[in-house]
Amino acid sequence: MSVTLHEGSLADSEACSQIIHEAFTAIANQHNFPSDFPSPDGGIRAASTMLSNPGFFAVVAERDGRIVGSIVLDERSHIAGVGPITIDPAVQDGGIGRRLMQAVLDRATERGFPGVRLV
């Protein structure tokens, strides 16, 4: 079960939004606080906005042809911003997040950003 990474596009927004909702809700439930994305609709708005704006660079992870995670690099400022990063809760702790993070850090280096911040 290998994971492949590719640049995100608007076509990925529905699958990414579901993962955004599920991942944020799972963390919120573990810590007994409200989710930042209590419904898939919020995730859809966030994913669609970031995946359609040329100021954001997104990377999507797929495993067995199914999207299992994503990360976004905000390139609209002097310092790049990373986030959100979300991984399907069913496949967390398998190194996907590390690969996604490395992909956007490599992109920031290639684009000559003097620094990166976690948003």
C-alpha atoms as a PDB file:
ATOM      1  CA  MET A   1       0.000   0.000   0.000  1.00  0.00           C
ATOM      2  CA  SER A   2       2.221   2.808  -1.225  1.00  0.00           C
ATOM      3  CA  VAL A   3       1.347   6.463  -0.865  1.00  0.00           C
ATOM      4  CA  THR A   4       1.768   8.872  -3.754  1.00  0.00           C
ATOM      5  CA  LEU A   5       1.814  12.652  -3.529  1.00  0.00           C
ATOM      6  CA  HIS A   6       0.595  15.088  -6.157  1.00  0.00           C
ATOM      7  CA  GLU A   7      -0.159  18.787  -6.390  1.00  0.00           C
ATOM      8  CA  GLY A   8      -3.695  19.454  -5.224  1.00  0.00           C
ATOM      9  CA  SER A   9      -6.360  20.853  -7.501  1.00  0.00           C
ATOM     10  CA  LEU A  10      -9.966  21.961  -7.211  1.00  0.00           C
ATOM     11  CA  ALA A  11     -10.987  18.449  -8.298  1.00  0.00           C
ATOM     12  CA  ASP A  12      -9.585  17.164  -4.974  1.00  0.00           C
ATOM     13  CA  SER A  13     -11.649  19.523  -2.820  1.00  0.00           C
ATOM     14  CA  GLU A  14     -14.544  17.191  -1.987  1.00  0.00           C
ATOM     15  CA  ALA A  15     -12.323  14.352  -0.764  1.00  0.00           C
ATOM     16  CA  CYS A  16      -9.996  16.761   1.059  1.00  0.00           C
ATOM     17  CA  SER A  17     -12.917  18.522   2.730  1.00  0.00           C
ATOM     18  CA  GLN A  18     -14.249  15.265   4.145  1.00  0.00           C
ATOM     19  CA  ILE A  19     -10.829  14.483   5.620  1.00  0.00           C
ATOM     20  CA  ILE A  20     -10.519  18.017   7.019  1.00  0.00           C
ATOM     21  CA  HIS A  21     -13.871  17.575   8.768  1.00  0.00           C
ATOM     22  CA  GLU A  22     -13.099  14.068  10.071  1.00  0.00           C
ATOM     23  CA  ALA A  23      -9.562  14.842  11.229  1.00  0.00           C
ATOM     24  CA  PHE A  24     -10.430  18.073  13.061  1.00  0.00           C
ATOM     25  CA  THR A  25     -13.527  16.491  14.601  1.00  0.00           C
ATOM     26  CA  ALA A  26     -11.571  13.433  15.805  1.00  0.00           C
ATOM     27  CA  ILE A  27      -8.992  15.637  17.549  1.00  0.00           C
ATOM     28  CA  ALA A  28     -11.679  17.882  19.022  1.00  0.00           C
ATOM     29  CA  ASN A  29     -13.599  14.883  20.370  1.00  0.00           C
ATOM     30  CA  GLN A  30     -10.455  13.442  21.969  1.00  0.00           C
ATOM     31  CA  HIS A  31      -9.924  16.692  23.863  1.00  0.00           C
ATOM     32  CA  ASN A  32     -13.585  17.467  24.499  1.00  0.00           C
ATOM     33  CA  PHE A  33     -13.730  20.775  22.654  1.00  0.00           C
ATOM     34  CA  PRO A  34     -15.718  21.938  19.624  1.00  0.00           C
ATOM     35  CA  SER A  35     -14.412  21.129  16.163  1.00  0.00           C
ATOM     36  CA  ASP A  36     -13.155  23.918  13.913  1.00  0.00           C
ATOM     37  CA  PHE A  37     -15.028  22.099  11.120  1.00  0.00           C
ATOM     38  CA  PRO A  38     -18.168  20.619  12.753  1.00  0.00           C
ATOM     39  CA  SER A  39     -19.668  19.710   9.372  1.00  0.00           C
ATOM     40  CA  PRO A  40     -18.235  18.753   5.999  1.00  0.00           C
ATOM     41  CA  ASP A  41     -19.553  22.078   4.614  1.00  0.00           C
ATOM     42  CA  GLY A  42     -16.893  24.037   6.480  1.00  0.00           C
ATOM     43  CA  GLY A  43     -14.232  21.723   5.130  1.00  0.00           C
ATOM     44  CA  ILE A  44     -15.589  22.147   1.610  1.00  0.00           C
ATOM     45  CA  ARG A  45     -15.355  25.935   1.852  1.00  0.00           C
ATOM     46  CA  ALA A  46     -11.819  25.768   3.242  1.00  0.00           C
ATOM     47  CA  ALA A  47     -10.587  23.196   0.732  1.00  0.00           C
ATOM     48  CA  SER A  48     -12.219  24.905  -2.248  1.00  0.00           C
ATOM     49  CA  THR A  49     -10.818  28.292  -1.277  1.00  0.00           C
ATOM     50  CA  MET A  50      -7.264  27.039  -0.863  1.00  0.00           C
ATOM     51  CA  LEU A  51      -7.280  24.685  -3.860  1.00  0.00           C
ATOM     52  CA  SER A  52      -8.591  27.373  -6.219  1.00  0.00           C
ATOM     53  CA  ASN A  53      -6.347  30.255  -5.109  1.00  0.00           C
ATOM     54  CA  PRO A  54      -2.965  30.494  -6.899  1.00  0.00           C
ATOM     55  CA  GLY A  55      -1.470  31.944  -3.698  1.00  0.00           C
ATOM     56  CA  PHE A  56      -1.754  28.529  -2.054  1.00  0.00           C
ATOM     57  CA  PHE A  57       0.208  25.409  -2.985  1.00  0.00           C
ATOM     58  CA  ALA A  58      -1.482  22.166  -1.950  1.00  0.00           C
ATOM     59  CA  VAL A  59      -0.150  18.630  -1.843  1.00  0.00           C
ATOM     60  CA  VAL A  60      -2.493  15.649  -1.709  1.00  0.00           C
ATOM     61  CA  ALA A  61      -1.621  12.123  -0.576  1.00  0.00           C
ATOM     62  CA  GLU A  62      -3.271   9.099  -2.174  1.00  0.00           C
ATOM     63  CA  ARG A  63      -3.154   5.478  -1.148  1.00  0.00           C
ATOM     64  CA  ASP A  64      -4.679   2.791  -3.351  1.00  0.00           C
ATOM     65  CA  GLY A  65      -6.291   5.502  -5.499  1.00  0.00           C
ATOM     66  CA  ARG A  66      -8.026   7.168  -2.548  1.00  0.00           C
ATOM     67  CA  ILE A  67      -7.129  10.571  -1.101  1.00  0.00           C
ATOM     68  CA  VAL A  68      -5.937  10.109   2.494  1.00  0.00           C
ATOM     69  CA  GLY A  69      -4.473  13.505   3.356  1.00  0.00           C
ATOM     70  CA  SER A  70      -3.471  16.965   2.307  1.00  0.00           C
ATOM     71  CA  ILE A  71      -1.401  19.966   3.289  1.00  0.00           C
ATOM     72  CA  VAL A  72      -1.352  23.578   2.139  1.00  0.00           C
ATOM     73  CA  LEU A  73       1.482  26.090   1.841  1.00  0.00           C
ATOM     74  CA  ASP A  74       0.356  29.730   1.865  1.00  0.00           C
ATOM     75  CA  GLU A  75       2.735  31.530  -0.488  1.00  0.00           C
ATOM     76  CA  ARG A  76       1.066  34.954  -0.328  1.00  0.00           C
ATOM     77  CA  SER A  77       3.568  36.544   2.033  1.00  0.00           C
ATOM     78  CA  HIS A  78       7.296  36.971   2.554  1.00  0.00           C
ATOM     79  CA  ILE A  79       7.198  34.066   5.033  1.00  0.00           C
ATOM     80  CA  ALA A  80       5.352  30.937   3.854  1.00  0.00           C
ATOM     81  CA  GLY A  81       2.616  29.512   6.059  1.00  0.00           C
ATOM     82  CA  VAL A  82       1.896  25.808   6.490  1.00  0.00           C
ATOM     83  CA  GLY A  83      -1.549  24.527   7.277  1.00  0.00           C
ATOM     84  CA  PRO A  84      -3.846  22.923   7.557  1.00  0.00           C
ATOM     85  CA  ILE A  85      -2.379  19.461   7.371  1.00  0.00           C
ATOM     86  CA  THR A  86      -4.943  16.695   7.663  1.00  0.00           C
ATOM     87  CA  ILE A  87      -4.697  12.927   7.467  1.00  0.00           C
ATOM     88  CA  ASP A  88      -7.616  10.516   7.372  1.00  0.00           C
ATOM     89  CA  PRO A  89      -7.912   9.311  11.003  1.00  0.00           C
ATOM     90  CA  ALA A  90      -8.070   5.697   9.748  1.00  0.00           C
ATOM     91  CA  VAL A  91      -4.513   5.918   8.370  1.00  0.00           C
ATOM     92  CA  GLN A  92      -2.789   8.257  10.807  1.00  0.00           C
ATOM     93  CA  ASP A  93       0.585   7.335  12.329  1.00  0.00           C
ATOM     94  CA  GLY A  94       1.853   5.797   9.089  1.00  0.00           C
ATOM     95  CA  GLY A  95       4.251   8.549   8.006  1.00  0.00           C
ATOM     96  CA  ILE A  96       1.901  10.283   5.554  1.00  0.00           C
ATOM     97  CA  GLY A  97       1.956  13.551   7.483  1.00  0.00           C
ATOM     98  CA  ARG A  98       5.745  13.550   7.560  1.00  0.00           C
ATOM     99  CA  ARG A  99       5.890  13.119   3.781  1.00  0.00           C
ATOM    100  CA  LEU A 100       3.353  15.888   3.199  1.00  0.00           C
ATOM    101  CA  MET A 101       5.218  18.263   5.520  1.00  0.00           C
ATOM    102  CA  GLN A 102       8.510  17.513   3.794  1.00  0.00           C
ATOM    103  CA  ALA A 103       6.919  18.203   0.405  1.00  0.00           C
ATOM    104  CA  VAL A 104       5.836  21.731   1.372  1.00  0.00           C
ATOM    105  CA  LEU A 105       9.123  22.463   3.158  1.00  0.00           C
ATOM    106  CA  ASP A 106      10.950  21.434  -0.029  1.00  0.00           C
ATOM    107  CA  ARG A 107       8.634  23.719  -2.026  1.00  0.00           C
ATOM    108  CA  ALA A 108       9.359  26.640   0.310  1.00  0.00           C
ATOM    109  CA  THR A 109      13.099  26.068  -0.122  1.00  0.00           C
ATOM    110  CA  GLU A 110      12.767  25.832  -3.918  1.00  0.00           C
ATOM    111  CA  ARG A 111      10.771  29.086  -3.993  1.00  0.00           C
ATOM    112  CA  GLY A 112      13.351  30.875  -1.825  1.00  0.00           C
ATOM    113  CA  PHE A 113      11.196  31.681   1.178  1.00  0.00           C
ATOM    114  CA  PRO A 114      13.409  32.916   4.031  1.00  0.00           C
ATOM    115  CA  GLY A 115      11.181  31.193   6.573  1.00  0.00           C
ATOM    116  CA  VAL A 116       8.094  29.044   7.138  1.00  0.00           C
ATOM    117  CA  ARG A 117       5.535  29.316   9.913  1.00  0.00           C
ATOM    118  CA  LEU A 118       2.913  26.853  11.081  1.00  0.00           C
ATOM    119  CA  VAL A 119      -0.542  28.410  10.870  1.00  0.00           C
END
